[in-house]
């Protein structure tokens, strides 16, 4: 997929099973498998996370602390964890530059990040609960863009429809991931070098377990 392609429309009937069935969300298993991925590739995951931190610091200094530049590249950067997690869970080898393959999907990932942030923010401002609902509902958006080369709006809506079938279980899973990263931040921030990769991989594993990867090249 070219960096500035908008993505494609995907036949929605491919997701009939996910739309119509409840999904078991095994948070403990996903986190454990995420930890195993991290433990087997500590150097690569920590190195990439340090690069993300460096990009954040540099962009904040450049744009006066507004982090607008980082916001533009955050989605494709974080997508790197998902791509590597997909490869590892499919028993495929990976190279360090695979972490940067999220930029192959730059435009739909950027638009999805922009649109979801806007809608979630509006939801929080209005009644709080709609914002929480959407924040959880869009959890699989990045994975659908990467896996199906899907355009951003269909990816957002497909994610929301899948997760809505068992929203409270996904909420519990997301809450656990959030708490882990809070603990990582409290550990002088150093813990984030572990918790960010582990929680990112856990979310990708949940997607693959529930939706299933259609692609073998990410």
N, C-alpha and C. Protein backbone atom coordinates (compact mmCIF):
# COMPACT_ATOMS: atom_id res chain seq x y z
N UNK A 1 0.85 -1.20 0.00
CA UNK A 1 0.00 0.00 0.00
C UNK A 1 0.88 1.23 0.00
N UNK A 2 0.60 2.20 -0.90
CA UNK A 2 1.37 3.43 -0.96
C UNK A 2 1.03 4.32 0.22
N UNK A 3 2.02 5.10 0.65
CA UNK A 3 1.89 5.91 1.86
C UNK A 3 0.64 6.80 1.85
N UNK A 4 0.32 7.39 0.71
CA UNK A 4 -0.77 8.36 0.67
C UNK A 4 -2.03 7.82 0.00
N UNK A 5 -2.14 6.49 -0.11
CA UNK A 5 -3.41 5.90 -0.55
C UNK A 5 -4.45 6.08 0.55
N UNK A 6 -5.69 6.29 0.15
CA UNK A 6 -6.76 6.45 1.13
C UNK A 6 -7.21 5.12 1.72
N UNK A 7 -6.84 4.02 1.07
CA UNK A 7 -7.34 2.72 1.49
C UNK A 7 -8.49 2.30 0.61
N UNK A 8 -9.04 1.12 0.87
CA UNK A 8 -10.08 0.57 0.01
C UNK A 8 -11.34 0.28 0.82
N UNK A 9 -12.46 0.20 0.11
CA UNK A 9 -13.70 -0.26 0.71
C UNK A 9 -13.69 -1.79 0.71
N UNK A 10 -14.04 -2.36 1.83
CA UNK A 10 -14.02 -3.81 1.99
C UNK A 10 -15.46 -4.31 2.11
N UNK A 11 -15.73 -5.47 1.53
CA UNK A 11 -17.06 -6.06 1.61
C UNK A 11 -17.44 -6.28 3.08
N UNK A 12 -18.46 -5.58 3.59
CA UNK A 12 -18.80 -5.70 5.01
C UNK A 12 -19.29 -7.08 5.42
N UNK A 13 -19.74 -7.90 4.45
CA UNK A 13 -20.22 -9.24 4.80
C UNK A 13 -19.09 -10.12 5.31
N UNK A 14 -17.84 -9.72 5.08
CA UNK A 14 -16.71 -10.47 5.61
C UNK A 14 -16.73 -10.50 7.14
N UNK A 15 -17.45 -9.55 7.72
CA UNK A 15 -17.45 -9.42 9.18
C UNK A 15 -18.80 -9.82 9.80
N UNK A 16 -19.62 -10.52 9.05
CA UNK A 16 -20.95 -10.90 9.56
C UNK A 16 -20.84 -11.69 10.86
N UNK A 17 -19.90 -12.61 10.93
CA UNK A 17 -19.76 -13.41 12.15
C UNK A 17 -19.39 -12.53 13.33
N UNK A 18 -18.43 -11.64 13.13
CA UNK A 18 -18.00 -10.76 14.23
C UNK A 18 -19.08 -9.78 14.64
N UNK A 19 -19.90 -9.34 13.66
CA UNK A 19 -20.97 -8.40 13.97
C UNK A 19 -22.09 -9.05 14.77
N UNK A 20 -22.28 -10.35 14.56
CA UNK A 20 -23.47 -11.00 15.11
C UNK A 20 -23.20 -11.94 16.27
N UNK A 21 -21.95 -12.14 16.62
CA UNK A 21 -21.62 -13.06 17.71
C UNK A 21 -20.90 -12.31 18.82
N UNK A 22 -21.11 -12.76 20.05
CA UNK A 22 -20.34 -12.21 21.17
C UNK A 22 -18.93 -12.80 21.14
N UNK A 23 -18.00 -12.09 21.73
CA UNK A 23 -16.61 -12.49 21.66
C UNK A 23 -16.06 -12.66 23.08
N UNK A 24 -15.37 -13.75 23.31
CA UNK A 24 -14.68 -13.94 24.59
C UNK A 24 -13.41 -13.10 24.57
N UNK A 25 -13.24 -12.26 25.57
CA UNK A 25 -12.07 -11.38 25.66
C UNK A 25 -11.22 -11.88 26.83
N UNK A 26 -10.14 -12.54 26.51
CA UNK A 26 -9.28 -13.14 27.53
C UNK A 26 -8.09 -12.21 27.79
N UNK A 27 -8.30 -11.18 28.59
CA UNK A 27 -7.29 -10.15 28.81
C UNK A 27 -6.00 -10.74 29.36
N UNK A 28 -6.11 -11.65 30.32
CA UNK A 28 -4.91 -12.23 30.94
C UNK A 28 -4.06 -12.95 29.90
N UNK A 29 -4.70 -13.71 29.02
CA UNK A 29 -3.98 -14.45 27.99
C UNK A 29 -3.32 -13.49 27.01
N UNK A 30 -4.03 -12.45 26.59
CA UNK A 30 -3.46 -11.51 25.62
C UNK A 30 -2.25 -10.80 26.20
N UNK A 31 -2.35 -10.39 27.45
CA UNK A 31 -1.23 -9.68 28.08
C UNK A 31 -0.05 -10.62 28.28
N UNK A 32 -0.31 -11.84 28.67
CA UNK A 32 0.77 -12.80 28.84
C UNK A 32 1.49 -13.05 27.52
N UNK A 33 0.73 -13.22 26.45
CA UNK A 33 1.35 -13.45 25.13
C UNK A 33 2.08 -12.20 24.65
N UNK A 34 1.56 -11.02 24.98
CA UNK A 34 2.27 -9.79 24.66
C UNK A 34 3.59 -9.71 25.40
N UNK A 35 3.58 -10.13 26.67
CA UNK A 35 4.80 -10.17 27.46
C UNK A 35 5.81 -11.15 26.87
N UNK A 36 5.34 -12.32 26.43
CA UNK A 36 6.23 -13.30 25.83
C UNK A 36 6.87 -12.76 24.55
N UNK A 37 6.10 -12.03 23.75
CA UNK A 37 6.66 -11.40 22.55
C UNK A 37 7.75 -10.42 22.93
N UNK A 38 7.44 -9.59 23.93
CA UNK A 38 8.41 -8.59 24.38
C UNK A 38 9.66 -9.27 24.93
N UNK A 39 9.48 -10.27 25.76
CA UNK A 39 10.60 -10.93 26.41
C UNK A 39 11.53 -11.58 25.39
N UNK A 40 10.98 -12.06 24.29
CA UNK A 40 11.80 -12.70 23.27
C UNK A 40 12.51 -11.73 22.36
N UNK A 41 12.13 -10.45 22.43
CA UNK A 41 12.72 -9.45 21.53
C UNK A 41 12.90 -8.13 22.27
N UNK A 42 13.49 -8.21 23.46
CA UNK A 42 13.58 -7.05 24.34
C UNK A 42 14.31 -5.90 23.67
N UNK A 43 15.46 -6.17 23.08
CA UNK A 43 16.27 -5.11 22.50
C UNK A 43 15.53 -4.34 21.42
N UNK A 44 14.85 -5.07 20.54
CA UNK A 44 14.14 -4.43 19.43
C UNK A 44 12.98 -3.58 19.93
N UNK A 45 12.20 -4.12 20.87
CA UNK A 45 11.05 -3.37 21.37
C UNK A 45 11.48 -2.15 22.18
N UNK A 46 12.46 -2.29 23.03
CA UNK A 46 12.93 -1.15 23.81
C UNK A 46 13.56 -0.10 22.90
N UNK A 47 14.35 -0.55 21.93
CA UNK A 47 14.98 0.39 21.01
C UNK A 47 13.95 1.21 20.23
N UNK A 48 12.90 0.54 19.74
CA UNK A 48 11.87 1.26 18.99
C UNK A 48 11.10 2.22 19.89
N UNK A 49 10.82 1.79 21.12
CA UNK A 49 10.10 2.67 22.05
C UNK A 49 10.94 3.91 22.38
N UNK A 50 12.24 3.73 22.51
CA UNK A 50 13.12 4.89 22.74
C UNK A 50 13.09 5.84 21.55
N UNK A 51 13.01 5.29 20.36
CA UNK A 51 12.90 6.15 19.16
C UNK A 51 11.62 6.96 19.21
N UNK A 52 10.50 6.32 19.60
CA UNK A 52 9.24 7.05 19.71
C UNK A 52 9.36 8.17 20.73
N UNK A 53 9.97 7.88 21.89
CA UNK A 53 10.16 8.92 22.90
C UNK A 53 11.01 10.07 22.33
N UNK A 54 12.06 9.73 21.59
CA UNK A 54 12.95 10.75 21.02
C UNK A 54 12.20 11.61 20.01
N UNK A 55 11.36 10.98 19.19
CA UNK A 55 10.56 11.74 18.21
C UNK A 55 9.61 12.67 18.93
N UNK A 56 9.00 12.19 20.01
CA UNK A 56 8.09 13.03 20.80
C UNK A 56 8.81 14.24 21.39
N UNK A 57 9.98 14.01 21.98
CA UNK A 57 10.74 15.11 22.59
C UNK A 57 11.18 16.11 21.51
N UNK A 58 11.71 15.61 20.40
CA UNK A 58 12.20 16.49 19.34
C UNK A 58 11.06 17.31 18.73
N UNK A 59 9.93 16.66 18.50
CA UNK A 59 8.80 17.39 17.90
C UNK A 59 8.23 18.42 18.86
N UNK A 60 8.24 18.10 20.17
CA UNK A 60 7.74 19.05 21.16
C UNK A 60 8.63 20.29 21.23
N UNK A 61 9.94 20.09 21.13
CA UNK A 61 10.86 21.22 21.14
C UNK A 61 10.71 22.06 19.88
N UNK A 62 10.46 21.38 18.77
CA UNK A 62 10.39 22.08 17.49
C UNK A 62 9.13 22.92 17.37
N UNK A 63 8.00 22.39 17.87
CA UNK A 63 6.74 23.14 17.71
C UNK A 63 6.27 23.79 19.00
N UNK A 64 7.22 24.08 19.88
CA UNK A 64 6.90 24.85 21.09
C UNK A 64 6.09 24.10 22.12
N UNK A 65 6.19 22.77 22.12
CA UNK A 65 5.50 21.98 23.13
C UNK A 65 4.07 21.60 22.78
N UNK A 66 3.59 21.98 21.60
CA UNK A 66 2.21 21.67 21.24
C UNK A 66 2.03 20.21 20.81
N UNK A 67 3.14 19.57 20.42
CA UNK A 67 3.14 18.16 19.99
C UNK A 67 2.29 17.91 18.74
N UNK A 68 2.06 18.95 17.96
CA UNK A 68 1.28 18.77 16.73
C UNK A 68 2.01 17.88 15.74
N UNK A 69 3.32 18.06 15.66
CA UNK A 69 4.09 17.24 14.73
C UNK A 69 4.05 15.77 15.16
N UNK A 70 4.17 15.53 16.45
CA UNK A 70 4.14 14.15 16.92
C UNK A 70 2.78 13.53 16.67
N UNK A 71 1.72 14.31 16.83
CA UNK A 71 0.37 13.80 16.58
C UNK A 71 0.22 13.30 15.16
N UNK A 72 0.93 13.93 14.23
CA UNK A 72 0.82 13.55 12.82
C UNK A 72 1.46 12.20 12.54
N UNK A 73 2.50 11.87 13.31
CA UNK A 73 3.22 10.62 13.03
C UNK A 73 2.98 9.54 14.09
N UNK A 74 2.23 9.89 15.15
CA UNK A 74 2.04 8.94 16.25
C UNK A 74 1.35 7.66 15.80
N UNK A 75 0.28 7.79 15.01
CA UNK A 75 -0.49 6.60 14.61
C UNK A 75 0.35 5.62 13.80
N UNK A 76 1.07 6.06 12.74
CA UNK A 76 1.90 5.09 12.03
C UNK A 76 3.06 4.55 12.86
N UNK A 77 3.58 5.36 13.79
CA UNK A 77 4.64 4.84 14.66
C UNK A 77 4.11 3.73 15.56
N UNK A 78 2.99 3.99 16.24
CA UNK A 78 2.43 2.98 17.13
C UNK A 78 1.94 1.75 16.35
N UNK A 79 1.57 1.95 15.08
CA UNK A 79 1.16 0.81 14.26
C UNK A 79 2.31 -0.17 14.06
N UNK A 80 3.53 0.31 14.23
CA UNK A 80 4.68 -0.58 14.10
C UNK A 80 4.64 -1.73 15.08
N UNK A 81 4.18 -1.48 16.30
CA UNK A 81 4.04 -2.57 17.28
C UNK A 81 3.09 -3.64 16.74
N UNK A 82 1.98 -3.19 16.15
CA UNK A 82 0.97 -4.13 15.65
C UNK A 82 1.53 -4.98 14.52
N UNK A 83 2.26 -4.36 13.62
CA UNK A 83 2.82 -5.09 12.48
C UNK A 83 3.79 -6.16 12.97
N UNK A 84 4.65 -5.80 13.89
CA UNK A 84 5.61 -6.77 14.43
C UNK A 84 4.87 -7.86 15.21
N UNK A 85 3.84 -7.49 15.97
CA UNK A 85 3.07 -8.49 16.72
C UNK A 85 2.39 -9.46 15.76
N UNK A 86 1.85 -8.96 14.65
CA UNK A 86 1.23 -9.85 13.66
C UNK A 86 2.26 -10.82 13.09
N UNK A 87 3.43 -10.32 12.81
CA UNK A 87 4.47 -11.18 12.23
C UNK A 87 4.91 -12.24 13.23
N UNK A 88 5.14 -11.84 14.47
CA UNK A 88 5.59 -12.79 15.48
C UNK A 88 4.53 -13.84 15.78
N UNK A 89 3.26 -13.42 15.85
CA UNK A 89 2.19 -14.37 16.15
C UNK A 89 1.90 -15.29 14.98
N UNK A 90 2.41 -14.94 13.80
CA UNK A 90 2.26 -15.80 12.61
C UNK A 90 3.53 -16.58 12.33
N UNK A 91 4.46 -16.55 13.28
CA UNK A 91 5.74 -17.26 13.16
C UNK A 91 6.54 -16.80 11.95
N UNK A 92 6.45 -15.51 11.65
CA UNK A 92 7.23 -14.92 10.59
C UNK A 92 8.40 -14.15 11.19
N UNK A 93 9.55 -14.19 10.54
CA UNK A 93 10.68 -13.42 11.04
C UNK A 93 10.41 -11.92 10.82
N UNK A 94 11.07 -11.11 11.61
CA UNK A 94 10.94 -9.67 11.38
C UNK A 94 12.29 -9.00 11.53
N UNK A 95 12.42 -7.88 10.83
CA UNK A 95 13.60 -7.04 10.95
C UNK A 95 13.20 -5.75 11.65
N UNK A 96 14.18 -5.04 12.17
CA UNK A 96 13.87 -3.85 12.95
C UNK A 96 13.10 -2.82 12.12
N UNK A 97 13.40 -2.74 10.82
CA UNK A 97 12.70 -1.74 10.02
C UNK A 97 11.23 -2.06 9.81
N UNK A 98 10.79 -3.27 10.19
CA UNK A 98 9.36 -3.60 10.13
C UNK A 98 8.55 -2.71 11.08
N UNK A 99 9.19 -2.21 12.14
CA UNK A 99 8.51 -1.31 13.06
C UNK A 99 8.04 -0.03 12.36
N UNK A 100 8.66 0.30 11.26
CA UNK A 100 8.34 1.55 10.57
C UNK A 100 7.40 1.35 9.38
N UNK A 101 6.93 0.13 9.19
CA UNK A 101 6.03 -0.14 8.07
C UNK A 101 4.65 0.50 8.25
N UNK A 102 4.37 1.00 9.44
CA UNK A 102 3.12 1.72 9.63
C UNK A 102 3.01 2.93 8.72
N UNK A 103 4.15 3.46 8.29
CA UNK A 103 4.12 4.62 7.39
C UNK A 103 3.65 4.25 5.99
N UNK A 104 3.59 2.95 5.68
CA UNK A 104 2.98 2.52 4.42
C UNK A 104 1.48 2.78 4.41
N UNK A 105 0.91 3.00 5.60
CA UNK A 105 -0.53 3.23 5.74
C UNK A 105 -0.77 4.63 6.34
N UNK A 106 0.14 5.53 6.06
CA UNK A 106 0.14 6.81 6.76
C UNK A 106 -1.19 7.55 6.66
N UNK A 107 -1.72 7.72 5.46
CA UNK A 107 -2.90 8.57 5.30
C UNK A 107 -4.13 8.01 6.01
N UNK A 108 -4.52 6.74 5.78
CA UNK A 108 -5.70 6.25 6.51
C UNK A 108 -5.49 6.21 8.02
N UNK A 109 -4.27 5.92 8.47
CA UNK A 109 -4.01 5.91 9.92
C UNK A 109 -4.09 7.32 10.49
N UNK A 110 -3.53 8.28 9.77
CA UNK A 110 -3.59 9.67 10.23
C UNK A 110 -5.03 10.16 10.28
N UNK A 111 -5.81 9.88 9.23
CA UNK A 111 -7.20 10.34 9.18
C UNK A 111 -8.03 9.65 10.26
N UNK A 112 -7.78 8.36 10.48
CA UNK A 112 -8.51 7.65 11.53
C UNK A 112 -8.18 8.23 12.90
N UNK A 113 -6.91 8.53 13.14
CA UNK A 113 -6.50 9.12 14.41
C UNK A 113 -7.15 10.49 14.60
N UNK A 114 -7.15 11.29 13.54
CA UNK A 114 -7.73 12.63 13.61
C UNK A 114 -9.24 12.55 13.87
N UNK A 115 -9.94 11.72 13.10
CA UNK A 115 -11.40 11.63 13.22
C UNK A 115 -11.81 11.03 14.56
N UNK A 116 -11.13 9.97 14.99
CA UNK A 116 -11.51 9.33 16.25
C UNK A 116 -11.21 10.24 17.44
N UNK A 117 -10.09 10.95 17.39
CA UNK A 117 -9.78 11.89 18.47
C UNK A 117 -10.83 12.98 18.56
N UNK A 118 -11.25 13.50 17.42
CA UNK A 118 -12.27 14.54 17.38
C UNK A 118 -13.60 14.04 17.94
N UNK A 119 -14.04 12.87 17.48
CA UNK A 119 -15.33 12.33 17.91
C UNK A 119 -15.32 11.94 19.39
N UNK A 120 -14.22 11.33 19.83
CA UNK A 120 -14.12 10.96 21.24
C UNK A 120 -14.10 12.21 22.12
N UNK A 121 -13.39 13.25 21.68
CA UNK A 121 -13.33 14.50 22.45
C UNK A 121 -14.71 15.14 22.55
N UNK A 122 -15.45 15.15 21.44
CA UNK A 122 -16.81 15.69 21.47
C UNK A 122 -17.67 14.88 22.43
N UNK A 123 -17.51 13.55 22.38
CA UNK A 123 -18.28 12.68 23.28
C UNK A 123 -17.99 12.95 24.74
N UNK A 124 -16.73 13.22 25.06
CA UNK A 124 -16.36 13.53 26.44
C UNK A 124 -16.92 14.88 26.88
N UNK A 125 -16.88 15.85 25.97
CA UNK A 125 -17.37 17.19 26.31
C UNK A 125 -18.87 17.18 26.54
N UNK A 126 -19.59 16.42 25.72
CA UNK A 126 -21.05 16.44 25.81
C UNK A 126 -21.57 15.71 27.05
N UNK A 127 -21.30 14.41 27.12
CA UNK A 127 -21.90 13.64 28.21
C UNK A 127 -20.94 12.63 28.85
N UNK A 128 -19.67 12.66 28.48
CA UNK A 128 -18.64 11.76 28.99
C UNK A 128 -18.82 10.33 28.49
N UNK A 129 -19.98 9.72 28.73
CA UNK A 129 -20.18 8.31 28.38
C UNK A 129 -20.02 8.05 26.88
N UNK A 130 -20.57 8.92 25.99
CA UNK A 130 -20.33 8.67 24.56
C UNK A 130 -18.85 8.66 24.20
N UNK A 131 -18.08 9.51 24.87
CA UNK A 131 -16.64 9.53 24.61
C UNK A 131 -15.97 8.24 25.00
N UNK A 132 -16.35 7.70 26.16
CA UNK A 132 -15.79 6.42 26.62
C UNK A 132 -16.21 5.30 25.67
N UNK A 133 -17.49 5.32 25.27
CA UNK A 133 -17.99 4.29 24.36
C UNK A 133 -17.19 4.28 23.05
N UNK A 134 -16.97 5.46 22.48
CA UNK A 134 -16.26 5.53 21.20
C UNK A 134 -14.79 5.20 21.36
N UNK A 135 -14.17 5.65 22.45
CA UNK A 135 -12.75 5.37 22.66
C UNK A 135 -12.50 3.86 22.68
N UNK A 136 -13.37 3.11 23.32
CA UNK A 136 -13.24 1.65 23.34
C UNK A 136 -13.64 1.07 21.98
N UNK A 137 -14.70 1.61 21.40
CA UNK A 137 -15.20 1.07 20.14
C UNK A 137 -14.22 1.16 18.99
N UNK A 138 -13.34 2.13 19.02
CA UNK A 138 -12.38 2.30 17.93
C UNK A 138 -11.08 1.54 18.15
N UNK A 139 -11.05 0.64 19.11
CA UNK A 139 -9.81 -0.05 19.50
C UNK A 139 -9.18 -0.83 18.35
N UNK A 140 -9.99 -1.39 17.46
CA UNK A 140 -9.46 -2.23 16.39
C UNK A 140 -9.21 -1.47 15.09
N UNK A 141 -9.40 -0.18 15.08
CA UNK A 141 -9.30 0.60 13.84
C UNK A 141 -7.95 0.43 13.16
N UNK A 142 -6.89 0.63 13.90
CA UNK A 142 -5.54 0.53 13.32
C UNK A 142 -5.31 -0.84 12.71
N UNK A 143 -5.74 -1.88 13.39
CA UNK A 143 -5.50 -3.23 12.90
C UNK A 143 -6.26 -3.49 11.59
N UNK A 144 -7.46 -2.97 11.48
CA UNK A 144 -8.24 -3.16 10.26
C UNK A 144 -7.62 -2.42 9.08
N UNK A 145 -7.07 -1.24 9.33
CA UNK A 145 -6.37 -0.51 8.27
C UNK A 145 -5.17 -1.30 7.79
N UNK A 146 -4.39 -1.82 8.73
CA UNK A 146 -3.18 -2.56 8.37
C UNK A 146 -3.50 -3.89 7.70
N UNK A 147 -4.48 -4.58 8.23
CA UNK A 147 -4.77 -5.95 7.77
C UNK A 147 -5.55 -5.97 6.47
N UNK A 148 -6.52 -5.08 6.34
CA UNK A 148 -7.39 -5.08 5.16
C UNK A 148 -7.10 -3.94 4.19
N UNK A 149 -6.12 -3.07 4.52
CA UNK A 149 -5.86 -1.86 3.72
C UNK A 149 -7.14 -1.02 3.64
N UNK A 150 -7.92 -1.03 4.70
CA UNK A 150 -9.25 -0.43 4.73
C UNK A 150 -9.16 1.09 4.86
N UNK A 151 -10.11 1.79 4.22
CA UNK A 151 -10.15 3.24 4.38
C UNK A 151 -10.61 3.58 5.79
N UNK A 152 -10.26 4.77 6.25
CA UNK A 152 -10.31 5.07 7.67
C UNK A 152 -11.72 5.01 8.27
N UNK A 153 -12.72 5.55 7.57
CA UNK A 153 -14.05 5.61 8.18
C UNK A 153 -14.66 4.22 8.30
N UNK A 154 -14.51 3.40 7.27
CA UNK A 154 -15.03 2.03 7.36
C UNK A 154 -14.30 1.26 8.46
N UNK A 155 -13.00 1.49 8.62
CA UNK A 155 -12.25 0.82 9.68
C UNK A 155 -12.78 1.22 11.05
N UNK A 156 -13.06 2.50 11.24
CA UNK A 156 -13.60 2.96 12.51
C UNK A 156 -14.96 2.33 12.81
N UNK A 157 -15.84 2.34 11.82
CA UNK A 157 -17.19 1.81 12.02
C UNK A 157 -17.19 0.29 12.17
N UNK A 158 -16.32 -0.38 11.41
CA UNK A 158 -16.22 -1.83 11.54
C UNK A 158 -15.74 -2.21 12.93
N UNK A 159 -14.72 -1.50 13.41
CA UNK A 159 -14.22 -1.73 14.77
C UNK A 159 -15.33 -1.50 15.79
N UNK A 160 -16.03 -0.41 15.67
CA UNK A 160 -17.09 -0.09 16.64
C UNK A 160 -18.18 -1.16 16.64
N UNK A 161 -18.57 -1.63 15.47
CA UNK A 161 -19.63 -2.63 15.39
C UNK A 161 -19.19 -3.97 15.97
N UNK A 162 -17.93 -4.34 15.75
CA UNK A 162 -17.43 -5.60 16.31
C UNK A 162 -17.37 -5.51 17.83
N UNK A 163 -16.80 -4.44 18.34
CA UNK A 163 -16.58 -4.32 19.77
C UNK A 163 -17.89 -4.09 20.53
N UNK A 164 -18.85 -3.46 19.88
CA UNK A 164 -20.13 -3.20 20.55
C UNK A 164 -20.85 -4.48 20.95
N UNK A 165 -20.54 -5.59 20.28
CA UNK A 165 -21.18 -6.86 20.63
C UNK A 165 -20.82 -7.29 22.05
N UNK A 166 -19.66 -6.88 22.53
CA UNK A 166 -19.22 -7.29 23.86
C UNK A 166 -18.42 -6.14 24.48
N UNK A 167 -19.06 -4.95 24.45
CA UNK A 167 -18.35 -3.72 24.79
C UNK A 167 -17.78 -3.73 26.20
N UNK A 168 -18.49 -4.21 27.18
CA UNK A 168 -18.03 -4.14 28.56
C UNK A 168 -16.79 -5.01 28.78
N UNK A 169 -16.70 -6.13 28.07
CA UNK A 169 -15.49 -6.96 28.19
C UNK A 169 -14.29 -6.23 27.60
N UNK A 170 -14.50 -5.57 26.46
CA UNK A 170 -13.42 -4.79 25.87
C UNK A 170 -13.04 -3.60 26.76
N UNK A 171 -14.04 -3.02 27.41
CA UNK A 171 -13.76 -1.93 28.33
C UNK A 171 -12.85 -2.40 29.47
N UNK A 172 -13.15 -3.58 30.01
CA UNK A 172 -12.32 -4.14 31.06
C UNK A 172 -10.90 -4.39 30.58
N UNK A 173 -10.77 -4.91 29.37
CA UNK A 173 -9.46 -5.16 28.77
C UNK A 173 -8.69 -3.85 28.60
N UNK A 174 -9.36 -2.84 28.05
CA UNK A 174 -8.71 -1.54 27.84
C UNK A 174 -8.30 -0.91 29.17
N UNK A 175 -9.13 -1.09 30.19
CA UNK A 175 -8.82 -0.54 31.50
C UNK A 175 -7.56 -1.18 32.08
N UNK A 176 -7.43 -2.49 31.90
CA UNK A 176 -6.23 -3.18 32.38
C UNK A 176 -5.00 -2.66 31.65
N UNK A 177 -5.09 -2.49 30.33
CA UNK A 177 -3.96 -1.96 29.56
C UNK A 177 -3.59 -0.56 30.03
N UNK A 178 -4.60 0.26 30.29
CA UNK A 178 -4.36 1.62 30.78
C UNK A 178 -3.66 1.61 32.13
N UNK A 179 -4.12 0.77 33.02
CA UNK A 179 -3.53 0.71 34.37
C UNK A 179 -2.08 0.25 34.29
N UNK A 180 -1.79 -0.72 33.43
CA UNK A 180 -0.41 -1.17 33.28
C UNK A 180 0.49 -0.03 32.84
N UNK A 181 0.01 0.79 31.90
CA UNK A 181 0.82 1.91 31.44
C UNK A 181 0.95 3.01 32.50
N UNK A 182 -0.08 3.16 33.33
CA UNK A 182 0.03 4.10 34.45
C UNK A 182 1.13 3.65 35.40
N UNK A 183 1.16 2.36 35.72
CA UNK A 183 2.22 1.83 36.58
C UNK A 183 3.59 2.02 35.92
N UNK A 184 3.62 1.84 34.59
CA UNK A 184 4.88 2.05 33.87
C UNK A 184 5.35 3.48 33.98
N UNK A 185 4.41 4.42 33.89
CA UNK A 185 4.76 5.84 34.02
C UNK A 185 5.20 6.18 35.43
N UNK A 186 4.58 5.57 36.43
CA UNK A 186 4.93 5.84 37.81
C UNK A 186 6.33 5.32 38.16
N UNK A 187 6.78 4.33 37.43
CA UNK A 187 8.12 3.78 37.66
C UNK A 187 9.15 4.67 36.96
N UNK A 188 9.09 5.95 37.29
CA UNK A 188 10.00 6.97 36.75
C UNK A 188 9.96 7.03 35.22
N UNK A 189 8.86 6.55 34.65
CA UNK A 189 8.73 6.56 33.20
C UNK A 189 9.45 5.43 32.51
N UNK A 190 10.44 4.83 33.20
CA UNK A 190 11.22 3.75 32.60
C UNK A 190 10.35 2.53 32.34
N UNK A 191 9.38 2.32 33.20
CA UNK A 191 8.50 1.18 33.03
C UNK A 191 7.73 1.20 31.72
N UNK A 192 7.56 2.40 31.14
CA UNK A 192 6.86 2.50 29.87
C UNK A 192 7.62 1.80 28.74
N UNK A 193 8.92 1.67 28.90
CA UNK A 193 9.71 0.94 27.90
C UNK A 193 9.28 -0.52 27.82
N UNK A 194 8.65 -1.00 28.89
CA UNK A 194 8.11 -2.36 28.91
C UNK A 194 6.62 -2.36 28.64
N UNK A 195 5.88 -1.51 29.36
CA UNK A 195 4.42 -1.61 29.29
C UNK A 195 3.85 -1.16 27.94
N UNK A 196 4.46 -0.17 27.30
CA UNK A 196 3.92 0.25 26.00
C UNK A 196 4.02 -0.87 24.97
N UNK A 197 5.19 -1.50 24.78
CA UNK A 197 5.23 -2.62 23.83
C UNK A 197 4.33 -3.79 24.23
N UNK A 198 4.31 -4.13 25.52
CA UNK A 198 3.51 -5.28 25.96
C UNK A 198 2.02 -5.04 25.72
N UNK A 199 1.53 -3.86 26.11
CA UNK A 199 0.10 -3.59 25.94
C UNK A 199 -0.27 -3.43 24.47
N UNK A 200 0.64 -2.85 23.68
CA UNK A 200 0.37 -2.72 22.24
C UNK A 200 0.28 -4.08 21.57
N UNK A 201 1.19 -4.98 21.93
CA UNK A 201 1.15 -6.33 21.37
C UNK A 201 -0.09 -7.08 21.86
N UNK A 202 -0.47 -6.88 23.12
CA UNK A 202 -1.66 -7.55 23.65
C UNK A 202 -2.90 -7.16 22.87
N UNK A 203 -3.03 -5.88 22.55
CA UNK A 203 -4.19 -5.42 21.77
C UNK A 203 -4.19 -6.03 20.38
N UNK A 204 -3.02 -6.12 19.75
CA UNK A 204 -2.93 -6.74 18.42
C UNK A 204 -3.28 -8.22 18.48
N UNK A 205 -2.86 -8.89 19.53
CA UNK A 205 -3.18 -10.30 19.71
C UNK A 205 -4.68 -10.49 19.88
N UNK A 206 -5.31 -9.57 20.63
CA UNK A 206 -6.77 -9.64 20.81
C UNK A 206 -7.48 -9.52 19.47
N UNK A 207 -7.01 -8.58 18.64
CA UNK A 207 -7.62 -8.43 17.30
C UNK A 207 -7.49 -9.72 16.50
N UNK A 208 -6.28 -10.28 16.47
CA UNK A 208 -6.07 -11.48 15.67
C UNK A 208 -6.90 -12.65 16.20
N UNK A 209 -7.05 -12.73 17.51
CA UNK A 209 -7.83 -13.81 18.11
C UNK A 209 -9.31 -13.68 17.80
N UNK A 210 -9.80 -12.47 17.79
CA UNK A 210 -11.25 -12.24 17.64
C UNK A 210 -11.67 -12.05 16.19
N UNK A 211 -10.89 -11.29 15.43
CA UNK A 211 -11.24 -11.00 14.04
C UNK A 211 -10.54 -11.95 13.10
N UNK A 212 -9.27 -12.22 13.38
CA UNK A 212 -8.48 -13.07 12.51
C UNK A 212 -7.81 -12.26 11.42
N UNK A 213 -6.54 -12.49 11.18
CA UNK A 213 -5.81 -11.73 10.16
C UNK A 213 -6.08 -12.34 8.79
N UNK A 214 -6.45 -11.49 7.84
CA UNK A 214 -6.69 -11.96 6.48
C UNK A 214 -5.42 -11.89 5.65
N UNK A 215 -4.53 -10.98 6.00
CA UNK A 215 -3.31 -10.77 5.25
C UNK A 215 -2.18 -11.58 5.86
N UNK A 216 -1.14 -11.79 5.07
CA UNK A 216 0.09 -12.38 5.61
C UNK A 216 1.27 -11.45 5.39
N UNK A 217 0.99 -10.28 4.82
CA UNK A 217 2.02 -9.27 4.60
C UNK A 217 1.51 -7.94 5.14
N UNK A 218 2.26 -7.38 6.08
CA UNK A 218 1.83 -6.13 6.68
C UNK A 218 2.90 -5.07 6.52
